[in-house]
Amino acid sequence: MLEITNLVKKYGNFTAVDNLSLKVNKGSIYGFVGPNGAGKTTTMKIISGLLSSTSGSVKIDGVEVSDNPKALRDKIGYMPDFFGVYDNLRVSEYMDFYAGTYYIPYKDRESLIDNLLELVDLSHKKDSYVDSLSRGMKQRLCLARSLIHDPQLLILDEPASGLDPRARVEMKEILRQLRDMGKTIIISSHILPELAEMCTEIGIIDKGKLSAQGTVAEIMRKLSKKRFINVKVLENKEKLVKILSETPYISDITENTDDVEFAFDGGDVKLAEFLRYIVSEEVPVVSFKEKEGNLEEIFMTITGGEEK
């Protein structure tokens, strides 16, 4: 869906984006994270056509962004981190204004606006003035606005910023619905635990460079060079610990109250064989799963814990 190759953006002697390359697959929710000033917003604005790059390539469905701005405009919905709303308009008028900017025929606008407001749970606010909405409602309204022309790619810069926990849950559910509808979503956020839970893939940018990319588990595995497994047993935990300690490709065994964690050096086939072995040794396994890791720990490790 999106392919960025050797992207560079310079402001004088300062390099905001430094030879950045990444791919975002169609139908995914891609979390784009990094410290303040790392180049996230600059990159998102270049993808959206709001900034020109110094060099490099940005392609959407194989089309170079700089070669066909009209095609880009039709394919992308952009929600900036700081957005403007027209407080003296009603919600329906606000949506109608943006429908007009995309030349959507008048006869199609009412049903389109009704469907989008239903999607973001604002149907009951259709006739309310924008300035009467809560912050969370304004966020959802701006998301609906970015969907007015049915874009394939959504670029959301800090969509949950300033929202209370309930509003963040509502926003998260809407994004999942959009993915189910076939949308591809790039989302930047500082709320790392929720991002890890929601995204199919994560990209970490630091000092303008892509430092890591993949699922949280994949990035964690690359950093540690090991897989961490969590096992919960009904009984015979001591026997499990003994088996683990005698197995050469297992290390870092931690015995907790209800479970045991350990580092495993091997692939899926080897892991499946080991599970069969401990079951054959009459250790009653309740759960056996790979520990996915913590995006906050990964972020601090890769960026050196600095907030630029």
C-alpha atoms as a PDB file:
ATOM      1  CA  MET A   1       0.000   0.000   0.000  1.00  0.00           C
ATOM      2  CA  LEU A   2       2.657   2.522   1.087  1.00  0.00           C
ATOM      3  CA  GLU A   3       6.351   2.306   0.270  1.00  0.00           C
ATOM      4  CA  ILE A   4       8.884   4.916   1.401  1.00  0.00           C
ATOM      5  CA  THR A   5      12.424   4.654   0.054  1.00  0.00           C
ATOM      6  CA  ASN A   6      15.426   6.699   1.226  1.00  0.00           C
ATOM      7  CA  LEU A   7      13.270   9.657   2.279  1.00  0.00           C
ATOM      8  CA  VAL A   8      15.180  12.791   3.314  1.00  0.00           C
ATOM      9  CA  LYS A   9      13.854  16.138   4.548  1.00  0.00           C
ATOM     10  CA  LYS A  10      16.281  18.929   5.395  1.00  0.00           C
ATOM     11  CA  TYR A  11      15.735  22.405   6.801  1.00  0.00           C
ATOM     12  CA  GLY A  12      18.996  24.162   6.083  1.00  0.00           C
ATOM     13  CA  ASN A  13      21.686  22.219   7.923  1.00  0.00           C
ATOM     14  CA  PHE A  14      19.144  20.312  10.031  1.00  0.00           C
ATOM     15  CA  THR A  15      18.024  16.874   8.821  1.00  0.00           C
ATOM     16  CA  ALA A  16      14.516  16.108  10.097  1.00  0.00           C
ATOM     17  CA  VAL A  17      14.116  12.830   8.186  1.00  0.00           C
ATOM     18  CA  ASP A  18      17.305  10.932   7.425  1.00  0.00           C
ATOM     19  CA  ASN A  19      17.225   8.293   4.680  1.00  0.00           C
ATOM     20  CA  LEU A  20      13.994   6.721   5.966  1.00  0.00           C
ATOM     21  CA  SER A  21      12.634   3.564   4.313  1.00  0.00           C
ATOM     22  CA  LEU A  22       9.562   1.590   5.358  1.00  0.00           C
ATOM     23  CA  LYS A  23       6.608  -0.379   3.992  1.00  0.00           C
ATOM     24  CA  VAL A  24       3.011  -0.447   5.197  1.00  0.00           C
ATOM     25  CA  ASN A  25       0.894  -3.340   3.941  1.00  0.00           C
ATOM     26  CA  LYS A  26      -2.680  -2.909   2.773  1.00  0.00           C
ATOM     27  CA  GLY A  27      -5.278  -3.430   5.513  1.00  0.00           C
ATOM     28  CA  SER A  28      -2.853  -2.971   8.404  1.00  0.00           C
ATOM     29  CA  ILE A  29      -2.798  -0.602  11.363  1.00  0.00           C
ATOM     30  CA  TYR A  30       0.761   0.699  11.474  1.00  0.00           C
ATOM     31  CA  GLY A  31       1.920   2.385  14.677  1.00  0.00           C
ATOM     32  CA  PHE A  32       4.508   5.107  14.064  1.00  0.00           C
ATOM     33  CA  VAL A  33       6.286   6.052  17.291  1.00  0.00           C
ATOM     34  CA  GLY A  34       9.321   8.020  18.355  1.00  0.00           C
ATOM     35  CA  PRO A  35      10.475  10.785  20.719  1.00  0.00           C
ATOM     36  CA  ASN A  36       9.377  14.369  20.193  1.00  0.00           C
ATOM     37  CA  GLY A  37      11.320  15.816  17.278  1.00  0.00           C
ATOM     38  CA  ALA A  38      12.181  12.390  15.833  1.00  0.00           C
ATOM     39  CA  GLY A  39      10.556  13.165  12.458  1.00  0.00           C
ATOM     40  CA  LYS A  40       7.138  11.502  12.803  1.00  0.00           C
ATOM     41  CA  THR A  41       4.944  14.477  11.916  1.00  0.00           C
ATOM     42  CA  THR A  42       7.305  15.613   9.147  1.00  0.00           C
ATOM     43  CA  THR A  43       7.123  12.156   7.565  1.00  0.00           C
ATOM     44  CA  MET A  44       3.335  12.047   7.852  1.00  0.00           C
ATOM     45  CA  LYS A  45       3.011  15.470   6.240  1.00  0.00           C
ATOM     46  CA  ILE A  46       5.217  14.391   3.338  1.00  0.00           C
ATOM     47  CA  ILE A  47       3.083  11.269   2.829  1.00  0.00           C
ATOM     48  CA  SER A  48      -0.018  13.459   2.903  1.00  0.00           C
ATOM     49  CA  GLY A  49       1.378  15.884   0.349  1.00  0.00           C
ATOM     50  CA  LEU A  50       1.548  18.823   2.762  1.00  0.00           C
ATOM     51  CA  LEU A  51       5.358  18.960   2.606  1.00  0.00           C
ATOM     52  CA  SER A  52       7.794  18.236  -0.187  1.00  0.00           C
ATOM     53  CA  SER A  53      10.785  16.009   0.523  1.00  0.00           C
ATOM     54  CA  THR A  54      14.397  16.951  -0.119  1.00  0.00           C
ATOM     55  CA  SER A  55      14.962  13.573  -1.774  1.00  0.00           C
ATOM     56  CA  GLY A  56      13.668  10.026  -1.781  1.00  0.00           C
ATOM     57  CA  SER A  57      10.502   8.320  -2.909  1.00  0.00           C
ATOM     58  CA  VAL A  58       6.983   7.937  -1.462  1.00  0.00           C
ATOM     59  CA  LYS A  59       4.642   5.608  -3.357  1.00  0.00           C
ATOM     60  CA  ILE A  60       1.012   4.788  -2.657  1.00  0.00           C
ATOM     61  CA  ASP A  61      -0.239   1.757  -4.586  1.00  0.00           C
ATOM     62  CA  GLY A  62       2.818   2.106  -6.795  1.00  0.00           C
ATOM     63  CA  VAL A  63       2.102   5.752  -7.672  1.00  0.00           C
ATOM     64  CA  GLU A  64       4.796   8.302  -6.801  1.00  0.00           C
ATOM     65  CA  VAL A  65       3.270  10.982  -4.568  1.00  0.00           C
ATOM     66  CA  SER A  66       5.086  13.889  -6.211  1.00  0.00           C
ATOM     67  CA  ASP A  67       4.094  12.739  -9.719  1.00  0.00           C
ATOM     68  CA  ASN A  68       0.334  12.652  -9.198  1.00  0.00           C
ATOM     69  CA  PRO A  69      -0.967  14.945  -6.411  1.00  0.00           C
ATOM     70  CA  LYS A  70      -4.597  14.504  -7.541  1.00  0.00           C
ATOM     71  CA  ALA A  71      -4.439  10.726  -7.173  1.00  0.00           C
ATOM     72  CA  LEU A  72      -2.836  11.237  -3.769  1.00  0.00           C
ATOM     73  CA  ARG A  73      -5.607  13.567  -2.632  1.00  0.00           C
ATOM     74  CA  ASP A  74      -8.229  10.959  -3.460  1.00  0.00           C
ATOM     75  CA  LYS A  75      -6.434   8.084  -1.729  1.00  0.00           C
ATOM     76  CA  ILE A  76      -5.492   9.730   1.594  1.00  0.00           C
ATOM     77  CA  GLY A  77      -7.418  10.933   4.622  1.00  0.00           C
ATOM     78  CA  TYR A  78      -5.278  13.017   6.978  1.00  0.00           C
ATOM     79  CA  MET A  79      -6.070  13.914  10.584  1.00  0.00           C
ATOM     80  CA  PRO A  80      -3.387  16.263  12.002  1.00  0.00           C
ATOM     81  CA  ASP A  81      -2.365  16.461  15.639  1.00  0.00           C
ATOM     82  CA  PHE A  82      -3.679  20.031  15.871  1.00  0.00           C
ATOM     83  CA  PHE A  83      -6.844  20.466  13.870  1.00  0.00           C
ATOM     84  CA  GLY A  84      -9.178  23.371  13.235  1.00  0.00           C
ATOM     85  CA  VAL A  85     -12.934  23.184  13.524  1.00  0.00           C
ATOM     86  CA  TYR A  86     -15.509  25.797  12.589  1.00  0.00           C
ATOM     87  CA  ASP A  87     -17.282  26.436  15.858  1.00  0.00           C
ATOM     88  CA  ASN A  88     -20.098  28.489  14.339  1.00  0.00           C
ATOM     89  CA  LEU A  89     -21.245  25.587  12.161  1.00  0.00           C
ATOM     90  CA  ARG A  90     -23.519  22.707  13.042  1.00  0.00           C
ATOM     91  CA  VAL A  91     -22.024  19.222  12.766  1.00  0.00           C
ATOM     92  CA  SER A  92     -23.976  18.481   9.566  1.00  0.00           C
ATOM     93  CA  GLU A  93     -22.874  21.810   8.048  1.00  0.00           C
ATOM     94  CA  TYR A  94     -19.260  21.124   8.954  1.00  0.00           C
ATOM     95  CA  MET A  95     -19.373  17.747   7.197  1.00  0.00           C
ATOM     96  CA  ASP A  96     -21.206  19.225   4.213  1.00  0.00           C
ATOM     97  CA  PHE A  97     -18.466  21.868   3.819  1.00  0.00           C
ATOM     98  CA  TYR A  98     -15.765  19.201   3.545  1.00  0.00           C
ATOM     99  CA  ALA A  99     -17.912  17.107   1.207  1.00  0.00           C
ATOM    100  CA  GLY A 100     -17.959  20.137  -1.053  1.00  0.00           C
ATOM    101  CA  THR A 101     -14.167  20.413  -1.070  1.00  0.00           C
ATOM    102  CA  TYR A 102     -14.082  16.909  -2.578  1.00  0.00           C
ATOM    103  CA  TYR A 103     -16.809  17.738  -5.127  1.00  0.00           C
ATOM    104  CA  ILE A 104     -19.196  15.142  -3.741  1.00  0.00           C
ATOM    105  CA  PRO A 105     -22.606  15.662  -5.455  1.00  0.00           C
ATOM    106  CA  TYR A 106     -25.303  17.314  -3.326  1.00  0.00           C
ATOM    107  CA  LYS A 107     -27.668  14.377  -3.851  1.00  0.00           C
ATOM    108  CA  ASP A 108     -25.185  11.986  -2.219  1.00  0.00           C
ATOM    109  CA  ARG A 109     -24.109  14.116   0.722  1.00  0.00           C
ATOM    110  CA  GLU A 110     -26.927  13.594   3.225  1.00  0.00           C
ATOM    111  CA  SER A 111     -26.770   9.800   3.264  1.00  0.00           C
ATOM    112  CA  LEU A 112     -22.955   9.871   3.244  1.00  0.00           C
ATOM    113  CA  ILE A 113     -22.832  12.273   6.192  1.00  0.00           C
ATOM    114  CA  ASP A 114     -25.422  10.228   8.104  1.00  0.00           C
ATOM    115  CA  ASN A 115     -23.395   7.027   7.582  1.00  0.00           C
ATOM    116  CA  LEU A 116     -20.131   8.627   8.723  1.00  0.00           C
ATOM    117  CA  LEU A 117     -21.695  10.210  11.806  1.00  0.00           C
ATOM    118  CA  GLU A 118     -23.183   6.831  12.697  1.00  0.00           C
ATOM    119  CA  LEU A 119     -19.753   5.219  12.298  1.00  0.00           C
ATOM    120  CA  VAL A 120     -18.162   7.639  14.786  1.00  0.00           C
ATOM    121  CA  ASP A 121     -21.243   7.621  17.065  1.00  0.00           C
ATOM    122  CA  LEU A 122     -22.206  11.255  16.497  1.00  0.00           C
ATOM    123  CA  SER A 123     -25.615  10.811  14.856  1.00  0.00           C
ATOM    124  CA  HIS A 124     -27.280  12.330  17.911  1.00  0.00           C
ATOM    125  CA  LYS A 125     -25.137  15.456  17.519  1.00  0.00           C
ATOM    126  CA  LYS A 126     -25.930  16.085  13.855  1.00  0.00           C
ATOM    127  CA  ASP A 127     -27.741  19.366  14.535  1.00  0.00           C
ATOM    128  CA  SER A 128     -25.492  20.519  17.396  1.00  0.00           C
ATOM    129  CA  TYR A 129     -22.949  23.302  17.016  1.00  0.00           C
ATOM    130  CA  VAL A 130     -19.352  22.143  16.805  1.00  0.00           C
ATOM    131  CA  ASP A 131     -18.275  24.344  19.733  1.00  0.00           C
ATOM    132  CA  SER A 132     -20.744  22.511  21.999  1.00  0.00           C
ATOM    133  CA  LEU A 133     -18.967  19.161  21.501  1.00  0.00           C
ATOM    134  CA  SER A 134     -16.560  17.626  23.996  1.00  0.00           C
ATOM    135  CA  ARG A 135     -12.931  17.139  22.967  1.00  0.00           C
ATOM    136  CA  GLY A 136     -13.511  13.459  22.316  1.00  0.00           C
ATOM    137  CA  MET A 137     -16.496  14.234  20.104  1.00  0.00           C
ATOM    138  CA  LYS A 138     -14.471  16.810  18.163  1.00  0.00           C
ATOM    139  CA  GLN A 139     -11.758  14.190  17.623  1.00  0.00           C
ATOM    140  CA  ARG A 140     -14.343  11.748  16.257  1.00  0.00           C
ATOM    141  CA  LEU A 141     -15.848  14.477  14.071  1.00  0.00           C
ATOM    142  CA  CYS A 142     -12.434  15.222  12.561  1.00  0.00           C
ATOM    143  CA  LEU A 143     -11.973  11.504  11.905  1.00  0.00           C
ATOM    144  CA  ALA A 144     -15.346  11.443  10.122  1.00  0.00           C
ATOM    145  CA  ARG A 145     -14.235  14.483   8.106  1.00  0.00           C
ATOM    146  CA  SER A 146     -11.083  12.663   6.961  1.00  0.00           C
ATOM    147  CA  LEU A 147     -13.285   9.797   5.717  1.00  0.00           C
ATOM    148  CA  ILE A 148     -15.645  11.976   3.655  1.00  0.00           C
ATOM    149  CA  HIS A 149     -14.096  10.948   0.294  1.00  0.00           C
ATOM    150  CA  ASP A 150     -13.678   7.244   1.209  1.00  0.00           C
ATOM    151  CA  PRO A 151      -9.847   7.202   1.239  1.00  0.00           C
ATOM    152  CA  GLN A 152      -7.872   3.950   1.195  1.00  0.00           C
ATOM    153  CA  LEU A 153      -5.118   5.242   3.493  1.00  0.00           C
ATOM    154  CA  LEU A 154      -5.740   7.068   6.786  1.00  0.00           C
ATOM    155  CA  ILE A 155      -2.931   9.052   8.404  1.00  0.00           C
ATOM    156  CA  LEU A 156      -3.752   9.934  12.009  1.00  0.00           C
ATOM    157  CA  ASP A 157      -1.345  12.088  14.000  1.00  0.00           C
ATOM    158  CA  GLU A 158      -2.014  11.687  17.753  1.00  0.00           C
ATOM    159  CA  PRO A 159      -5.782  10.999  17.380  1.00  0.00           C
ATOM    160  CA  ALA A 160      -6.141  10.101  21.088  1.00  0.00           C
ATOM    161  CA  SER A 161      -4.205  13.104  22.415  1.00  0.00           C
ATOM    162  CA  GLY A 162      -5.947  14.691  25.389  1.00  0.00           C
ATOM    163  CA  LEU A 163      -8.772  12.157  25.497  1.00  0.00           C
ATOM    164  CA  ASP A 164     -10.037  10.599  28.706  1.00  0.00           C
ATOM    165  CA  PRO A 165      -9.856   6.768  29.058  1.00  0.00           C
ATOM    166  CA  ARG A 166     -13.437   6.210  27.870  1.00  0.00           C
ATOM    167  CA  ALA A 167     -12.942   8.371  24.780  1.00  0.00           C
ATOM    168  CA  ARG A 168      -9.700   6.536  23.965  1.00  0.00           C
ATOM    169  CA  VAL A 169     -11.513   3.184  24.116  1.00  0.00           C
ATOM    170  CA  GLU A 170     -14.197   4.549  21.774  1.00  0.00           C
ATOM    171  CA  MET A 171     -11.569   5.841  19.325  1.00  0.00           C
ATOM    172  CA  LYS A 172      -9.743   2.504  19.421  1.00  0.00           C
ATOM    173  CA  GLU A 173     -12.934   0.612  18.580  1.00  0.00           C
ATOM    174  CA  ILE A 174     -13.662   2.933  15.644  1.00  0.00           C
ATOM    175  CA  LEU A 175     -10.177   2.338  14.228  1.00  0.00           C
ATOM    176  CA  ARG A 176     -10.698  -1.424  14.438  1.00  0.00           C
ATOM    177  CA  GLN A 177     -13.964  -1.041  12.531  1.00  0.00           C
ATOM    178  CA  LEU A 178     -12.195   0.966   9.842  1.00  0.00           C
ATOM    179  CA  ARG A 179      -9.576  -1.755   9.475  1.00  0.00           C
ATOM    180  CA  ASP A 180     -12.358  -4.324   9.089  1.00  0.00           C
ATOM    181  CA  MET A 181     -13.716  -2.110   6.300  1.00  0.00           C
ATOM    182  CA  GLY A 182     -10.415  -2.507   4.443  1.00  0.00           C
ATOM    183  CA  LYS A 183      -8.781   0.793   5.372  1.00  0.00           C
ATOM    184  CA  THR A 184      -5.024   1.016   5.879  1.00  0.00           C
ATOM    185  CA  ILE A 185      -4.155   3.156   8.900  1.00  0.00           C
ATOM    186  CA  ILE A 186      -0.939   4.856   9.975  1.00  0.00           C
ATOM    187  CA  ILE A 187      -1.244   6.165  13.499  1.00  0.00           C
ATOM    188  CA  SER A 188       1.178   8.177  15.614  1.00  0.00           C
ATOM    189  CA  SER A 189       0.648   8.166  19.370  1.00  0.00           C
ATOM    190  CA  HIS A 190       2.462   8.558  22.674  1.00  0.00           C
ATOM    191  CA  ILE A 191       0.050   6.137  24.400  1.00  0.00           C
ATOM    192  CA  LEU A 192       2.294   3.137  23.795  1.00  0.00           C
ATOM    193  CA  PRO A 193       0.413   0.300  25.586  1.00  0.00           C
ATOM    194  CA  GLU A 194      -2.776   1.001  23.619  1.00  0.00           C
ATOM    195  CA  LEU A 195      -0.816   1.331  20.388  1.00  0.00           C
ATOM    196  CA  ALA A 196       0.828  -2.057  20.958  1.00  0.00           C
ATOM    197  CA  GLU A 197      -2.565  -3.651  21.586  1.00  0.00           C
ATOM    198  CA  MET A 198      -4.207  -2.114  18.520  1.00  0.00           C
ATOM    199  CA  CYS A 199      -1.524  -2.157  15.800  1.00  0.00           C
ATOM    200  CA  THR A 200      -0.582  -5.026  13.523  1.00  0.00           C
ATOM    201  CA  GLU A 201       2.898  -3.552  13.075  1.00  0.00           C
ATOM    202  CA  ILE A 202       5.078  -0.917  14.732  1.00  0.00           C
ATOM    203  CA  GLY A 203       7.767   1.380  13.313  1.00  0.00           C
ATOM    204  CA  ILE A 204      10.083   3.222  15.713  1.00  0.00           C
ATOM    205  CA  ILE A 205      11.775   6.376  14.408  1.00  0.00           C
ATOM    206  CA  ASP A 206      14.631   8.107  16.198  1.00  0.00           C
ATOM    207  CA  LYS A 207      16.640  11.114  14.962  1.00  0.00           C
ATOM    208  CA  GLY A 208      14.951  10.847  11.586  1.00  0.00           C
ATOM    209  CA  LYS A 209      15.918   7.196  11.049  1.00  0.00           C
ATOM    210  CA  LEU A 210      13.806   4.047  11.269  1.00  0.00           C
ATOM    211  CA  SER A 211      15.326   2.129  14.185  1.00  0.00           C
ATOM    212  CA  ALA A 212      13.004  -0.889  14.229  1.00  0.00           C
ATOM    213  CA  GLN A 213       9.977  -2.269  12.426  1.00  0.00           C
ATOM    214  CA  GLY A 214       7.711  -5.300  12.906  1.00  0.00           C
ATOM    215  CA  THR A 215       5.307  -6.675  15.469  1.00  0.00           C
ATOM    216  CA  VAL A 216       6.074  -5.980  19.123  1.00  0.00           C
ATOM    217  CA  ALA A 217       7.109  -9.628  19.575  1.00  0.00           C
ATOM    218  CA  GLU A 218       9.408  -9.517  16.526  1.00  0.00           C
ATOM    219  CA  ILE A 219      11.123  -6.312  17.652  1.00  0.00           C
ATOM    220  CA  MET A 220      11.505  -7.668  21.189  1.00  0.00           C
ATOM    221  CA  ARG A 221      13.048 -10.858  19.820  1.00  0.00           C
ATOM    222  CA  LYS A 222      15.542  -8.935  17.675  1.00  0.00           C
ATOM    223  CA  LEU A 223      16.586  -6.827  20.644  1.00  0.00           C
ATOM    224  CA  SER A 224      17.030  -9.685  23.081  1.00  0.00           C
ATOM    225  CA  LYS A 225      18.016 -12.380  20.536  1.00  0.00           C
ATOM    226  CA  LYS A 226      15.766 -14.722  22.537  1.00  0.00           C
ATOM    227  CA  ARG A 227      12.127 -15.766  22.790  1.00  0.00           C
ATOM    228  CA  PHE A 228      10.529 -15.485  26.212  1.00  0.00           C
ATOM    229  CA  ILE A 229       7.946 -18.134  27.074  1.00  0.00           C
ATOM    230  CA  ASN A 230       5.388 -18.130  29.879  1.00  0.00           C
ATOM    231  CA  VAL A 231       4.065 -21.464  31.173  1.00  0.00           C
ATOM    232  CA  LYS A 232       1.323 -21.991  33.736  1.00  0.00           C
ATOM    233  CA  VAL A 233       0.833 -25.490  35.175  1.00  0.00           C
ATOM    234  CA  LEU A 234      -1.822 -27.048  37.370  1.00  0.00           C
ATOM    235  CA  GLU A 235       0.776 -28.808  39.520  1.00  0.00           C
ATOM    236  CA  ASN A 236       4.328 -30.250  39.384  1.00  0.00           C
ATOM    237  CA  LYS A 237       5.873 -26.828  38.927  1.00  0.00           C
ATOM    238  CA  GLU A 238       9.065 -28.072  40.578  1.00  0.00           C
ATOM    239  CA  LYS A 239       9.337 -30.829  37.969  1.00  0.00           C
ATOM    240  CA  LEU A 240       8.856 -28.272  35.182  1.00  0.00           C
ATOM    241  CA  VAL A 241      11.628 -26.076  36.607  1.00  0.00           C
ATOM    242  CA  LYS A 242      13.933 -29.122  36.801  1.00  0.00           C
ATOM    243  CA  ILE A 243      13.248 -29.991  33.137  1.00  0.00           C
ATOM    244  CA  LEU A 244      13.888 -26.391  32.122  1.00  0.00           C
ATOM    245  CA  SER A 245      17.174 -26.201  34.022  1.00  0.00           C
ATOM    246  CA  GLU A 246      18.391 -29.392  32.322  1.00  0.00           C
ATOM    247  CA  THR A 247      17.525 -28.237  28.789  1.00  0.00           C
ATOM    248  CA  PRO A 248      20.538 -26.624  27.022  1.00  0.00           C
ATOM    249  CA  TYR A 249      18.564 -24.207  24.809  1.00  0.00           C
ATOM    250  CA  ILE A 250      16.674 -22.707  27.763  1.00  0.00           C
ATOM    251  CA  SER A 251      17.963 -19.941  30.051  1.00  0.00           C
ATOM    252  CA  ASP A 252      16.884 -17.070  32.309  1.00  0.00           C
ATOM    253  CA  ILE A 253      14.333 -19.175  34.207  1.00  0.00           C
ATOM    254  CA  THR A 254      12.076 -17.169  36.510  1.00  0.00           C
ATOM    255  CA  GLU A 255       9.722 -18.979  38.872  1.00  0.00           C
ATOM    256  CA  ASN A 256       6.673 -16.878  39.801  1.00  0.00           C
ATOM    257  CA  THR A 257       3.768 -17.689  42.122  1.00  0.00           C
ATOM    258  CA  ASP A 258       1.450 -18.978  39.395  1.00  0.00           C
ATOM    259  CA  ASP A 259       3.725 -19.536  36.406  1.00  0.00           C
ATOM    260  CA  VAL A 260       7.261 -19.942  35.087  1.00  0.00           C
ATOM    261  CA  GLU A 261       9.004 -17.750  32.510  1.00  0.00           C
ATOM    262  CA  PHE A 262      12.121 -18.630  30.533  1.00  0.00           C
ATOM    263  CA  ALA A 263      14.168 -17.644  27.489  1.00  0.00           C
ATOM    264  CA  PHE A 264      13.978 -20.110  24.605  1.00  0.00           C
ATOM    265  CA  ASP A 265      16.581 -20.342  21.842  1.00  0.00           C
ATOM    266  CA  GLY A 266      14.865 -21.942  18.846  1.00  0.00           C
ATOM    267  CA  GLY A 267      12.119 -21.799  16.238  1.00  0.00           C
ATOM    268  CA  ASP A 268       8.448 -22.800  16.273  1.00  0.00           C
ATOM    269  CA  VAL A 269       9.088 -26.472  15.473  1.00  0.00           C
ATOM    270  CA  LYS A 270      11.556 -26.791  18.331  1.00  0.00           C
ATOM    271  CA  LEU A 271       9.159 -24.990  20.661  1.00  0.00           C
ATOM    272  CA  ALA A 272       6.275 -27.316  19.724  1.00  0.00           C
ATOM    273  CA  GLU A 273       8.517 -30.348  20.328  1.00  0.00           C
ATOM    274  CA  PHE A 274       9.450 -29.045  23.772  1.00  0.00           C
ATOM    275  CA  LEU A 275       5.786 -28.522  24.694  1.00  0.00           C
ATOM    276  CA  ARG A 276       4.996 -32.110  23.670  1.00  0.00           C
ATOM    277  CA  TYR A 277       7.926 -33.311  25.773  1.00  0.00           C
ATOM    278  CA  ILE A 278       6.890 -31.616  29.018  1.00  0.00           C
ATOM    279  CA  VAL A 279       3.305 -32.869  28.560  1.00  0.00           C
ATOM    280  CA  SER A 280       4.652 -36.397  28.029  1.00  0.00           C
ATOM    281  CA  GLU A 281       6.527 -36.001  31.335  1.00  0.00           C
ATOM    282  CA  GLU A 282       3.124 -35.619  33.039  1.00  0.00           C
ATOM    283  CA  VAL A 283       3.392 -31.904  33.701  1.00  0.00           C
ATOM    284  CA  PRO A 284      -0.230 -30.620  33.455  1.00  0.00           C
ATOM    285  CA  VAL A 285       0.105 -27.470  31.317  1.00  0.00           C
ATOM    286  CA  VAL A 286      -2.698 -24.913  31.669  1.00  0.00           C
ATOM    287  CA  SER A 287      -1.210 -22.321  29.301  1.00  0.00           C
ATOM    288  CA  PHE A 288       1.921 -22.084  27.159  1.00  0.00           C
ATOM    289  CA  LYS A 289       2.523 -18.826  25.296  1.00  0.00           C
ATOM    290  CA  GLU A 290       5.207 -16.516  24.027  1.00  0.00           C
ATOM    291  CA  LYS A 291       5.606 -13.325  26.010  1.00  0.00           C
ATOM    292  CA  GLU A 292       5.026 -10.476  23.555  1.00  0.00           C
ATOM    293  CA  GLY A 293       7.079  -7.905  25.369  1.00  0.00           C
ATOM    294  CA  ASN A 294       6.385  -4.339  26.325  1.00  0.00           C
ATOM    295  CA  LEU A 295       6.387  -1.530  23.759  1.00  0.00           C
ATOM    296  CA  GLU A 296       7.417   0.994  26.400  1.00  0.00           C
ATOM    297  CA  GLU A 297      10.509  -1.099  27.260  1.00  0.00           C
ATOM    298  CA  ILE A 298      11.338  -1.460  23.566  1.00  0.00           C
ATOM    299  CA  PHE A 299      10.885   2.275  22.996  1.00  0.00           C
ATOM    300  CA  MET A 300      13.165   3.211  25.900  1.00  0.00           C
ATOM    301  CA  THR A 301      15.814   0.697  24.788  1.00  0.00           C
ATOM    302  CA  ILE A 302      15.897   1.841  21.162  1.00  0.00           C
ATOM    303  CA  THR A 303      15.709   5.588  21.800  1.00  0.00           C
ATOM    304  CA  GLY A 304      18.037   5.533  24.795  1.00  0.00           C
ATOM    305  CA  GLY A 305      15.266   6.751  27.072  1.00  0.00           C
ATOM    306  CA  GLU A 306      15.613  10.326  25.852  1.00  0.00           C
ATOM    307  CA  GLU A 307      12.670  12.611  25.163  1.00  0.00           C
ATOM    308  CA  LYS A 308      13.987  15.009  22.564  1.00  0.00           C
END
